[in-house]
Amino acid sequence: MLKQRVITALVLLALLLLALFNPAPWPFSLLTLVMIGAAGWEWGRLNGLADGAALAIGAAVVVLCLCATAAGWLAAPPNWLWWLAALVWVLGGARAIRLGPPAWSRHAAAWRQTVGVLALALAWLALGHARARGINFLLSVCGLVWIADIAAYFGGRTFGRRKLALAISPGKSWEGVWSGMAGVLVLAFAWSAWVDGRPWVDSASLFGLLFAEMGTLLGVLALFFLCAMSVVGDLVESLVKRAAGAKDSSRLLPGHGGVLDRVDALLPVFPIALALVGLHGRA
C-alpha cells in the first residue's frame, strides 16, 4: 500500500509540475479540468447516482468550466463570483457541519448535485485564475492548505484532546486546528521574507498581498480565516462520504482514494483567497 501510494504521488506530482511550469497556461488548465471533472463524477456517486448518471455530473462541471472560459472569466473573472462562493461556503458549510451527515441525505438530490457542480466549477475557475496571476501566488495558496493540514495532523496527534466534529471526522481536534493555524502563520512570514521579491519569483504571494493590503494584524486574521475554511472543506467532504457510507470518494488514485479526497480543503480556499486579495481591487 505504501509503495502504491508513493508511486501515485510521484506520478501526480510530475504531471502537475510539468503542467504548472509550462510557459503556456493551457496544459495546467486542461489537467486540472480533467481532475475537477473526475471530482464531479465522484460527487455524483457519493450523492446516490449510478456511474452513468454520475458521469453526467462530471460532464456538467466540465461544460460549466468551459462556458466560463469562453466568457473570458478565466483571465478576468467578476469579483462577485468569489464573494458568492465565500458566502455559500461560510453559511452553507457551517450549516451542513452543524446538522451532520443524517441531514445531508434528506436534502433533495437535485439540490445536492447542483451545489456540487457549482462548487467544483468555481474552484476550477479560481485555480485557473490563480495560475494566471502567477505561479508564486498559486503555490502560496496551496502551501497554506498543505501546511495547515500537516501541522493539524501532527498537532492533533500530539496534543489532541477536544474533538472538533466527532460525528463527521472523529480524528480531528480543536488542538489540531490551532496547530494548523500556527503552522500557516510561520509559513506566511517565512514566505514573505524569503521568497517574495526574489528575482526569479513571478508574482506576489497570497501572504505578501494580504499583509500589504490589510496590514499585519488583519492579514493574520485573514490567514486564520482561510485556514478555518480549509477545515470546513475537509469536513464537508467527510460529511458527504459519511452520509453515503463511503470511506473514500473513489479509487481513482491508487493508495490515495479519489480526487475529492485530495482537493477537498482547496475547494473553498481558492475562491475565498481571491475574494480577500480583491478587496483593494487587485484580483
C-alpha atoms as a PDB file:
ATOM      1  CA  MET A   1       0.000   0.000   0.000  1.00  0.00           C
ATOM      2  CA  LEU A   2       2.787   2.431   0.883  1.00  0.00           C
ATOM      3  CA  LYS A   3       4.625   1.665  -2.373  1.00  0.00           C
ATOM      4  CA  GLN A   4       1.442   2.209  -4.369  1.00  0.00           C
ATOM      5  CA  ARG A   5       0.766   5.454  -2.528  1.00  0.00           C
ATOM      6  CA  VAL A   6       4.277   6.766  -3.204  1.00  0.00           C
ATOM      7  CA  ILE A   7       4.173   5.853  -6.913  1.00  0.00           C
ATOM      8  CA  THR A   8       0.797   7.560  -7.377  1.00  0.00           C
ATOM      9  CA  ALA A   9       2.025  10.667  -5.572  1.00  0.00           C
ATOM     10  CA  LEU A  10       5.189  10.863  -7.704  1.00  0.00           C
ATOM     11  CA  VAL A  11       3.261  10.469 -10.965  1.00  0.00           C
ATOM     12  CA  LEU A  12       0.723  13.132  -9.968  1.00  0.00           C
ATOM     13  CA  LEU A  13       3.482  15.488  -8.822  1.00  0.00           C
ATOM     14  CA  ALA A  14       5.373  15.075 -12.086  1.00  0.00           C
ATOM     15  CA  LEU A  15       2.263  15.783 -14.173  1.00  0.00           C
ATOM     16  CA  LEU A  16       1.319  18.816 -12.089  1.00  0.00           C
ATOM     17  CA  LEU A  17       4.800  20.317 -12.174  1.00  0.00           C
ATOM     18  CA  LEU A  18       5.131  19.838 -15.935  1.00  0.00           C
ATOM     19  CA  ALA A  19       1.765  21.495 -16.478  1.00  0.00           C
ATOM     20  CA  LEU A  20       2.298  24.241 -13.923  1.00  0.00           C
ATOM     21  CA  PHE A  21       5.695  25.375 -15.209  1.00  0.00           C
ATOM     22  CA  ASN A  22       4.783  25.143 -18.890  1.00  0.00           C
ATOM     23  CA  PRO A  23       5.003  28.674 -20.374  1.00  0.00           C
ATOM     24  CA  ALA A  24       1.535  28.226 -21.892  1.00  0.00           C
ATOM     25  CA  PRO A  25      -1.404  28.200 -19.466  1.00  0.00           C
ATOM     26  CA  TRP A  26      -3.476  25.570 -21.276  1.00  0.00           C
ATOM     27  CA  PRO A  27      -1.673  22.390 -20.014  1.00  0.00           C
ATOM     28  CA  PHE A  28      -2.380  23.325 -16.401  1.00  0.00           C
ATOM     29  CA  SER A  29      -5.967  24.318 -17.208  1.00  0.00           C
ATOM     30  CA  LEU A  30      -6.543  21.074 -19.116  1.00  0.00           C
ATOM     31  CA  LEU A  31      -5.023  18.835 -16.444  1.00  0.00           C
ATOM     32  CA  THR A  32      -6.988  20.467 -13.647  1.00  0.00           C
ATOM     33  CA  LEU A  33     -10.155  20.390 -15.775  1.00  0.00           C
ATOM     34  CA  VAL A  34      -9.801  16.604 -16.128  1.00  0.00           C
ATOM     35  CA  MET A  35      -9.287  16.322 -12.374  1.00  0.00           C
ATOM     36  CA  ILE A  36     -12.244  18.533 -11.491  1.00  0.00           C
ATOM     37  CA  GLY A  37     -14.439  16.601 -13.941  1.00  0.00           C
ATOM     38  CA  ALA A  38     -13.415  13.384 -12.189  1.00  0.00           C
ATOM     39  CA  ALA A  39     -14.272  15.013  -8.861  1.00  0.00           C
ATOM     40  CA  GLY A  40     -17.707  15.807 -10.296  1.00  0.00           C
ATOM     41  CA  TRP A  41     -18.200  12.130 -11.148  1.00  0.00           C
ATOM     42  CA  GLU A  42     -17.193  11.224  -7.601  1.00  0.00           C
ATOM     43  CA  TRP A  43     -19.629  13.782  -6.190  1.00  0.00           C
ATOM     44  CA  GLY A  44     -22.468  12.290  -8.215  1.00  0.00           C
ATOM     45  CA  ARG A  45     -21.712   8.776  -6.974  1.00  0.00           C
ATOM     46  CA  LEU A  46     -21.421   9.903  -3.349  1.00  0.00           C
ATOM     47  CA  ASN A  47     -24.829  11.522  -3.676  1.00  0.00           C
ATOM     48  CA  GLY A  48     -26.679   8.463  -4.878  1.00  0.00           C
ATOM     49  CA  LEU A  49     -26.201   8.359  -8.647  1.00  0.00           C
ATOM     50  CA  ALA A  50     -25.182   5.318 -10.665  1.00  0.00           C
ATOM     51  CA  ASP A  51     -21.986   5.535 -12.714  1.00  0.00           C
ATOM     52  CA  GLY A  52     -23.708   6.694 -15.915  1.00  0.00           C
ATOM     53  CA  ALA A  53     -25.650   9.482 -14.249  1.00  0.00           C
ATOM     54  CA  ALA A  54     -22.600  10.435 -12.186  1.00  0.00           C
ATOM     55  CA  LEU A  55     -20.619  10.839 -15.414  1.00  0.00           C
ATOM     56  CA  ALA A  56     -23.241  13.376 -16.474  1.00  0.00           C
ATOM     57  CA  ILE A  57     -22.475  15.364 -13.300  1.00  0.00           C
ATOM     58  CA  GLY A  58     -18.779  15.309 -14.152  1.00  0.00           C
ATOM     59  CA  ALA A  59     -19.617  16.436 -17.687  1.00  0.00           C
ATOM     60  CA  ALA A  60     -21.797  19.244 -16.328  1.00  0.00           C
ATOM     61  CA  VAL A  61     -18.849  20.510 -14.262  1.00  0.00           C
ATOM     62  CA  VAL A  62     -16.595  20.477 -17.346  1.00  0.00           C
ATOM     63  CA  VAL A  63     -19.184  22.238 -19.531  1.00  0.00           C
ATOM     64  CA  LEU A  64     -19.721  24.943 -16.926  1.00  0.00           C
ATOM     65  CA  CYS A  65     -15.951  25.482 -16.699  1.00  0.00           C
ATOM     66  CA  LEU A  66     -15.674  25.728 -20.485  1.00  0.00           C
ATOM     67  CA  CYS A  67     -18.548  28.224 -20.612  1.00  0.00           C
ATOM     68  CA  ALA A  68     -16.805  30.380 -18.012  1.00  0.00           C
ATOM     69  CA  THR A  69     -13.602  30.202 -20.064  1.00  0.00           C
ATOM     70  CA  ALA A  70     -15.458  31.213 -23.224  1.00  0.00           C
ATOM     71  CA  ALA A  71     -16.871  34.195 -21.330  1.00  0.00           C
ATOM     72  CA  GLY A  72     -13.324  35.319 -20.522  1.00  0.00           C
ATOM     73  CA  TRP A  73     -13.699  34.619 -16.808  1.00  0.00           C
ATOM     74  CA  LEU A  74     -10.505  32.570 -16.559  1.00  0.00           C
ATOM     75  CA  ALA A  75      -8.408  35.679 -17.221  1.00  0.00           C
ATOM     76  CA  ALA A  76     -10.756  38.363 -15.864  1.00  0.00           C
ATOM     77  CA  PRO A  77     -13.484  36.913 -13.621  1.00  0.00           C
ATOM     78  CA  PRO A  78     -16.033  39.178 -11.946  1.00  0.00           C
ATOM     79  CA  ASN A  79     -15.100  39.598  -8.292  1.00  0.00           C
ATOM     80  CA  TRP A  80     -18.647  38.900  -7.153  1.00  0.00           C
ATOM     81  CA  LEU A  81     -18.104  35.215  -8.078  1.00  0.00           C
ATOM     82  CA  TRP A  82     -15.564  34.819  -5.298  1.00  0.00           C
ATOM     83  CA  TRP A  83     -17.799  36.544  -2.755  1.00  0.00           C
ATOM     84  CA  LEU A  84     -20.697  34.324  -3.809  1.00  0.00           C
ATOM     85  CA  ALA A  85     -18.514  31.263  -3.276  1.00  0.00           C
ATOM     86  CA  ALA A  86     -17.371  32.647   0.089  1.00  0.00           C
ATOM     87  CA  LEU A  87     -20.961  33.213   1.204  1.00  0.00           C
ATOM     88  CA  VAL A  88     -22.037  29.721   0.181  1.00  0.00           C
ATOM     89  CA  TRP A  89     -19.062  28.060   1.857  1.00  0.00           C
ATOM     90  CA  VAL A  90     -19.263  30.049   5.084  1.00  0.00           C
ATOM     91  CA  LEU A  91     -23.019  29.828   5.614  1.00  0.00           C
ATOM     92  CA  GLY A  92     -23.752  26.559   3.820  1.00  0.00           C
ATOM     93  CA  GLY A  93     -20.663  24.786   5.138  1.00  0.00           C
ATOM     94  CA  ALA A  94     -21.345  25.844   8.717  1.00  0.00           C
ATOM     95  CA  ARG A  95     -24.969  24.721   8.471  1.00  0.00           C
ATOM     96  CA  ALA A  96     -24.083  21.356   6.938  1.00  0.00           C
ATOM     97  CA  ILE A  97     -21.495  20.662   9.646  1.00  0.00           C
ATOM     98  CA  ARG A  98     -23.876  21.727  12.419  1.00  0.00           C
ATOM     99  CA  LEU A  99     -26.685  19.448  11.161  1.00  0.00           C
ATOM    100  CA  GLY A 100     -24.391  16.487  10.467  1.00  0.00           C
ATOM    101  CA  PRO A 101     -24.475  13.574   7.996  1.00  0.00           C
ATOM    102  CA  PRO A 102     -28.094  12.440   8.570  1.00  0.00           C
ATOM    103  CA  ALA A 103     -29.475  15.818   7.489  1.00  0.00           C
ATOM    104  CA  TRP A 104     -27.398  15.843   4.309  1.00  0.00           C
ATOM    105  CA  SER A 105     -29.161  12.814   2.847  1.00  0.00           C
ATOM    106  CA  ARG A 106     -32.549  14.409   3.467  1.00  0.00           C
ATOM    107  CA  HIS A 107     -31.849  17.278   1.076  1.00  0.00           C
ATOM    108  CA  ALA A 108     -33.293  16.909  -2.415  1.00  0.00           C
ATOM    109  CA  ALA A 109     -30.942  15.038  -4.742  1.00  0.00           C
ATOM    110  CA  ALA A 110     -31.129  17.757  -7.401  1.00  0.00           C
ATOM    111  CA  TRP A 111     -30.107  20.382  -4.822  1.00  0.00           C
ATOM    112  CA  ARG A 112     -27.117  18.322  -3.664  1.00  0.00           C
ATOM    113  CA  GLN A 113     -25.930  17.738  -7.225  1.00  0.00           C
ATOM    114  CA  THR A 114     -26.299  21.410  -8.142  1.00  0.00           C
ATOM    115  CA  VAL A 115     -24.308  22.524  -5.102  1.00  0.00           C
ATOM    116  CA  GLY A 116     -21.505  20.136  -6.039  1.00  0.00           C
ATOM    117  CA  VAL A 117     -21.366  21.224  -9.686  1.00  0.00           C
ATOM    118  CA  LEU A 118     -21.223  24.912  -8.770  1.00  0.00           C
ATOM    119  CA  ALA A 119     -18.638  24.442  -6.012  1.00  0.00           C
ATOM    120  CA  LEU A 120     -16.335  22.407  -8.245  1.00  0.00           C
ATOM    121  CA  ALA A 121     -16.657  24.726 -11.244  1.00  0.00           C
ATOM    122  CA  LEU A 122     -15.941  27.793  -9.099  1.00  0.00           C
ATOM    123  CA  ALA A 123     -12.927  26.078  -7.560  1.00  0.00           C
ATOM    124  CA  TRP A 124     -11.514  25.254 -11.013  1.00  0.00           C
ATOM    125  CA  LEU A 125     -12.080  28.813 -12.205  1.00  0.00           C
ATOM    126  CA  ALA A 126     -10.357  30.176  -9.085  1.00  0.00           C
ATOM    127  CA  LEU A 127      -7.461  27.757  -9.560  1.00  0.00           C
ATOM    128  CA  GLY A 128      -7.037  28.784 -13.199  1.00  0.00           C
ATOM    129  CA  HIS A 129      -7.194  32.476 -12.356  1.00  0.00           C
ATOM    130  CA  ALA A 130      -4.665  31.971  -9.571  1.00  0.00           C
ATOM    131  CA  ARG A 131      -2.327  30.411 -12.160  1.00  0.00           C
ATOM    132  CA  ALA A 132      -2.869  33.441 -14.393  1.00  0.00           C
ATOM    133  CA  ARG A 133      -1.885  35.731 -11.508  1.00  0.00           C
ATOM    134  CA  GLY A 134       1.384  33.861 -11.105  1.00  0.00           C
ATOM    135  CA  ILE A 135       2.921  30.582 -10.026  1.00  0.00           C
ATOM    136  CA  ASN A 136       4.141  32.051  -6.738  1.00  0.00           C
ATOM    137  CA  PHE A 137       0.620  33.175  -5.863  1.00  0.00           C
ATOM    138  CA  LEU A 138      -0.887  29.796  -6.742  1.00  0.00           C
ATOM    139  CA  LEU A 139       1.737  27.837  -4.812  1.00  0.00           C
ATOM    140  CA  SER A 140       1.336  30.059  -1.758  1.00  0.00           C
ATOM    141  CA  VAL A 141      -2.402  29.287  -1.616  1.00  0.00           C
ATOM    142  CA  CYS A 142      -1.686  25.569  -1.993  1.00  0.00           C
ATOM    143  CA  GLY A 143       1.058  25.877   0.626  1.00  0.00           C
ATOM    144  CA  LEU A 144      -1.374  27.391   3.100  1.00  0.00           C
ATOM    145  CA  VAL A 145      -3.736  24.433   2.741  1.00  0.00           C
ATOM    146  CA  TRP A 146      -0.987  21.820   2.823  1.00  0.00           C
ATOM    147  CA  ILE A 147       0.855  23.191   5.848  1.00  0.00           C
ATOM    148  CA  ALA A 148      -2.455  23.670   7.691  1.00  0.00           C
ATOM    149  CA  ASP A 149      -3.262  20.000   7.104  1.00  0.00           C
ATOM    150  CA  ILE A 150       0.216  18.727   8.018  1.00  0.00           C
ATOM    151  CA  ALA A 151       0.531  20.855  11.161  1.00  0.00           C
ATOM    152  CA  ALA A 152      -3.015  19.942  12.202  1.00  0.00           C
ATOM    153  CA  TYR A 153      -2.234  16.241  11.802  1.00  0.00           C
ATOM    154  CA  PHE A 154       0.885  16.310  13.957  1.00  0.00           C
ATOM    155  CA  GLY A 155      -0.555  18.808  16.429  1.00  0.00           C
ATOM    156  CA  GLY A 156      -3.716  16.762  16.781  1.00  0.00           C
ATOM    157  CA  ARG A 157      -1.796  13.541  17.354  1.00  0.00           C
ATOM    158  CA  THR A 158       0.422  15.187  19.955  1.00  0.00           C
ATOM    159  CA  PHE A 159      -1.973  17.481  21.801  1.00  0.00           C
ATOM    160  CA  GLY A 160      -5.451  16.491  20.615  1.00  0.00           C
ATOM    161  CA  ARG A 161      -7.999  16.221  23.402  1.00  0.00           C
ATOM    162  CA  ARG A 162     -11.160  18.095  22.400  1.00  0.00           C
ATOM    163  CA  LYS A 163     -12.911  16.642  19.356  1.00  0.00           C
ATOM    164  CA  LEU A 164     -13.834  19.089  16.615  1.00  0.00           C
ATOM    165  CA  ALA A 165     -16.687  17.233  14.888  1.00  0.00           C
ATOM    166  CA  LEU A 166     -16.980  13.742  16.351  1.00  0.00           C
ATOM    167  CA  ALA A 167     -19.955  12.678  14.202  1.00  0.00           C
ATOM    168  CA  ILE A 168     -18.175  13.690  10.973  1.00  0.00           C
ATOM    169  CA  SER A 169     -14.448  13.166  11.433  1.00  0.00           C
ATOM    170  CA  PRO A 170     -13.526  11.576  14.791  1.00  0.00           C
ATOM    171  CA  GLY A 171      -9.807  12.118  14.321  1.00  0.00           C
ATOM    172  CA  LYS A 172      -9.963  15.907  14.129  1.00  0.00           C
ATOM    173  CA  SER A 173      -9.466  18.020  17.249  1.00  0.00           C
ATOM    174  CA  TRP A 174      -9.505  21.692  18.188  1.00  0.00           C
ATOM    175  CA  GLU A 175      -5.848  21.393  19.137  1.00  0.00           C
ATOM    176  CA  GLY A 176      -5.170  20.230  15.597  1.00  0.00           C
ATOM    177  CA  VAL A 177      -6.928  23.304  14.219  1.00  0.00           C
ATOM    178  CA  TRP A 178      -4.846  25.648  16.383  1.00  0.00           C
ATOM    179  CA  SER A 179      -1.685  23.798  15.357  1.00  0.00           C
ATOM    180  CA  GLY A 180      -2.640  24.204  11.705  1.00  0.00           C
ATOM    181  CA  MET A 181      -3.122  27.934  12.173  1.00  0.00           C
ATOM    182  CA  ALA A 182       0.253  28.227  13.904  1.00  0.00           C
ATOM    183  CA  GLY A 183       1.884  26.381  11.004  1.00  0.00           C
ATOM    184  CA  VAL A 184       0.245  28.708   8.485  1.00  0.00           C
ATOM    185  CA  LEU A 185       1.467  31.754  10.398  1.00  0.00           C
ATOM    186  CA  VAL A 186       5.065  30.504  10.371  1.00  0.00           C
ATOM    187  CA  LEU A 187       4.820  29.708   6.655  1.00  0.00           C
ATOM    188  CA  ALA A 188       3.317  33.116   5.845  1.00  0.00           C
ATOM    189  CA  PHE A 189       6.089  35.137   7.493  1.00  0.00           C
ATOM    190  CA  ALA A 190       8.819  32.856   6.119  1.00  0.00           C
ATOM    191  CA  TRP A 191       7.404  33.012   2.582  1.00  0.00           C
ATOM    192  CA  SER A 192       7.017  36.797   2.714  1.00  0.00           C
ATOM    193  CA  ALA A 193      10.581  37.249   3.993  1.00  0.00           C
ATOM    194  CA  TRP A 194      12.500  34.694   1.941  1.00  0.00           C
ATOM    195  CA  VAL A 195      10.520  34.063  -1.269  1.00  0.00           C
ATOM    196  CA  ASP A 196       8.587  37.201  -2.243  1.00  0.00           C
ATOM    197  CA  GLY A 197      10.645  39.798  -4.049  1.00  0.00           C
ATOM    198  CA  ARG A 198      13.309  37.402  -5.288  1.00  0.00           C
ATOM    199  CA  PRO A 199      14.337  37.998  -8.948  1.00  0.00           C
ATOM    200  CA  TRP A 200      13.107  34.561 -10.007  1.00  0.00           C
ATOM    201  CA  VAL A 201       9.638  34.969  -8.458  1.00  0.00           C
ATOM    202  CA  ASP A 202       6.938  35.829 -10.993  1.00  0.00           C
ATOM    203  CA  SER A 203       4.299  37.334  -8.682  1.00  0.00           C
ATOM    204  CA  ALA A 204       3.413  38.323  -5.146  1.00  0.00           C
ATOM    205  CA  SER A 205       2.269  35.524  -2.861  1.00  0.00           C
ATOM    206  CA  LEU A 206      -1.073  35.382  -1.107  1.00  0.00           C
ATOM    207  CA  PHE A 207       0.750  36.154   2.136  1.00  0.00           C
ATOM    208  CA  GLY A 208       2.543  39.204   0.773  1.00  0.00           C
ATOM    209  CA  LEU A 209      -0.643  40.590  -0.748  1.00  0.00           C
ATOM    210  CA  LEU A 210      -2.690  40.173   2.422  1.00  0.00           C
ATOM    211  CA  PHE A 211      -0.022  41.803   4.596  1.00  0.00           C
ATOM    212  CA  ALA A 212       0.445  44.658   2.099  1.00  0.00           C
ATOM    213  CA  GLU A 213      -3.269  45.316   1.621  1.00  0.00           C
ATOM    214  CA  MET A 214      -4.576  44.697   5.124  1.00  0.00           C
ATOM    215  CA  GLY A 215      -1.603  45.240   7.411  1.00  0.00           C
ATOM    216  CA  THR A 216      -0.069  42.576   9.604  1.00  0.00           C
ATOM    217  CA  LEU A 217      -2.892  42.146  12.130  1.00  0.00           C
ATOM    218  CA  LEU A 218      -5.762  41.921   9.650  1.00  0.00           C
ATOM    219  CA  GLY A 219      -3.589  39.840   7.343  1.00  0.00           C
ATOM    220  CA  VAL A 220      -3.009  37.321  10.111  1.00  0.00           C
ATOM    221  CA  LEU A 221      -6.751  37.197  10.830  1.00  0.00           C
ATOM    222  CA  ALA A 222      -7.438  36.642   7.119  1.00  0.00           C
ATOM    223  CA  LEU A 223      -4.963  33.750   7.093  1.00  0.00           C
ATOM    224  CA  PHE A 224      -6.623  32.217  10.153  1.00  0.00           C
ATOM    225  CA  PHE A 225      -9.968  32.526   8.365  1.00  0.00           C
ATOM    226  CA  LEU A 226      -8.601  30.773   5.263  1.00  0.00           C
ATOM    227  CA  CYS A 227      -7.135  28.058   7.463  1.00  0.00           C
ATOM    228  CA  ALA A 228     -10.535  27.584   9.105  1.00  0.00           C
ATOM    229  CA  MET A 229     -12.197  27.347   5.677  1.00  0.00           C
ATOM    230  CA  SER A 230      -9.756  24.631   4.640  1.00  0.00           C
ATOM    231  CA  VAL A 231     -11.040  22.665   7.637  1.00  0.00           C
ATOM    232  CA  VAL A 232     -14.627  23.363   6.536  1.00  0.00           C
ATOM    233  CA  GLY A 233     -13.883  21.996   3.060  1.00  0.00           C
ATOM    234  CA  ASP A 234     -12.379  18.858   4.570  1.00  0.00           C
ATOM    235  CA  LEU A 235     -15.294  18.372   6.966  1.00  0.00           C
ATOM    236  CA  VAL A 236     -17.957  18.892   4.302  1.00  0.00           C
ATOM    237  CA  GLU A 237     -16.418  16.207   2.090  1.00  0.00           C
ATOM    238  CA  SER A 238     -16.104  13.876   5.094  1.00  0.00           C
ATOM    239  CA  LEU A 239     -19.749  14.577   5.920  1.00  0.00           C
ATOM    240  CA  VAL A 240     -20.879  13.661   2.390  1.00  0.00           C
ATOM    241  CA  LYS A 241     -18.816  10.445   2.475  1.00  0.00           C
ATOM    242  CA  ARG A 242     -20.183   9.516   5.883  1.00  0.00           C
ATOM    243  CA  ALA A 243     -23.746  10.131   4.675  1.00  0.00           C
ATOM    244  CA  ALA A 244     -23.025   7.822   1.728  1.00  0.00           C
ATOM    245  CA  GLY A 245     -21.321   5.201   3.908  1.00  0.00           C
ATOM    246  CA  ALA A 246     -18.077   5.545   1.920  1.00  0.00           C
ATOM    247  CA  LYS A 247     -14.501   5.606   3.175  1.00  0.00           C
ATOM    248  CA  ASP A 248     -13.050   7.304   0.074  1.00  0.00           C
ATOM    249  CA  SER A 249     -14.623   9.395  -2.670  1.00  0.00           C
ATOM    250  CA  SER A 250     -13.448   6.761  -5.218  1.00  0.00           C
ATOM    251  CA  ARG A 251     -10.441   4.593  -6.075  1.00  0.00           C
ATOM    252  CA  LEU A 252      -9.231   6.698  -8.982  1.00  0.00           C
ATOM    253  CA  LEU A 253      -5.898   7.424  -7.275  1.00  0.00           C
ATOM    254  CA  PRO A 254      -4.360   4.136  -6.083  1.00  0.00           C
ATOM    255  CA  GLY A 255      -3.326   4.394  -2.458  1.00  0.00           C
ATOM    256  CA  HIS A 256      -4.922   7.830  -2.077  1.00  0.00           C
ATOM    257  CA  GLY A 257      -8.627   7.302  -2.672  1.00  0.00           C
ATOM    258  CA  GLY A 258     -10.272   9.783  -5.006  1.00  0.00           C
ATOM    259  CA  VAL A 259      -9.710  13.258  -6.389  1.00  0.00           C
ATOM    260  CA  LEU A 260     -12.123  14.817  -3.891  1.00  0.00           C
ATOM    261  CA  ASP A 261     -10.124  13.276  -1.059  1.00  0.00           C
ATOM    262  CA  ARG A 262      -7.062  15.206  -2.251  1.00  0.00           C
ATOM    263  CA  VAL A 263      -8.664  18.564  -3.128  1.00  0.00           C
ATOM    264  CA  ASP A 264     -11.491  18.956  -0.588  1.00  0.00           C
ATOM    265  CA  ALA A 265      -9.696  21.568   1.527  1.00  0.00           C
ATOM    266  CA  LEU A 266      -8.689  23.543  -1.581  1.00  0.00           C
ATOM    267  CA  LEU A 267     -12.258  23.969  -2.843  1.00  0.00           C
ATOM    268  CA  PRO A 268     -13.304  26.823  -0.520  1.00  0.00           C
ATOM    269  CA  VAL A 269      -9.842  28.327  -0.023  1.00  0.00           C
ATOM    270  CA  PHE A 270      -9.027  29.343  -3.605  1.00  0.00           C
ATOM    271  CA  PRO A 271     -12.179  31.402  -4.279  1.00  0.00           C
ATOM    272  CA  ILE A 272     -12.126  32.965  -0.801  1.00  0.00           C
ATOM    273  CA  ALA A 273      -8.424  33.838  -1.139  1.00  0.00           C
ATOM    274  CA  LEU A 274      -9.205  35.658  -4.394  1.00  0.00           C
ATOM    275  CA  ALA A 275     -12.096  37.477  -2.737  1.00  0.00           C
ATOM    276  CA  LEU A 276      -9.814  38.697   0.054  1.00  0.00           C
ATOM    277  CA  VAL A 277      -6.983  39.900  -2.191  1.00  0.00           C
ATOM    278  CA  GLY A 278      -9.587  41.597  -4.380  1.00  0.00           C
ATOM    279  CA  LEU A 279     -10.781  43.835  -1.553  1.00  0.00           C
ATOM    280  CA  HIS A 280      -8.407  46.539  -2.792  1.00  0.00           C
ATOM    281  CA  GLY A 281      -9.004  45.971  -6.472  1.00  0.00           C
ATOM    282  CA  ARG A 282      -6.035  43.702  -7.227  1.00  0.00           C
ATOM    283  CA  ALA A 283      -7.815  40.476  -8.151  1.00  0.00           C
END
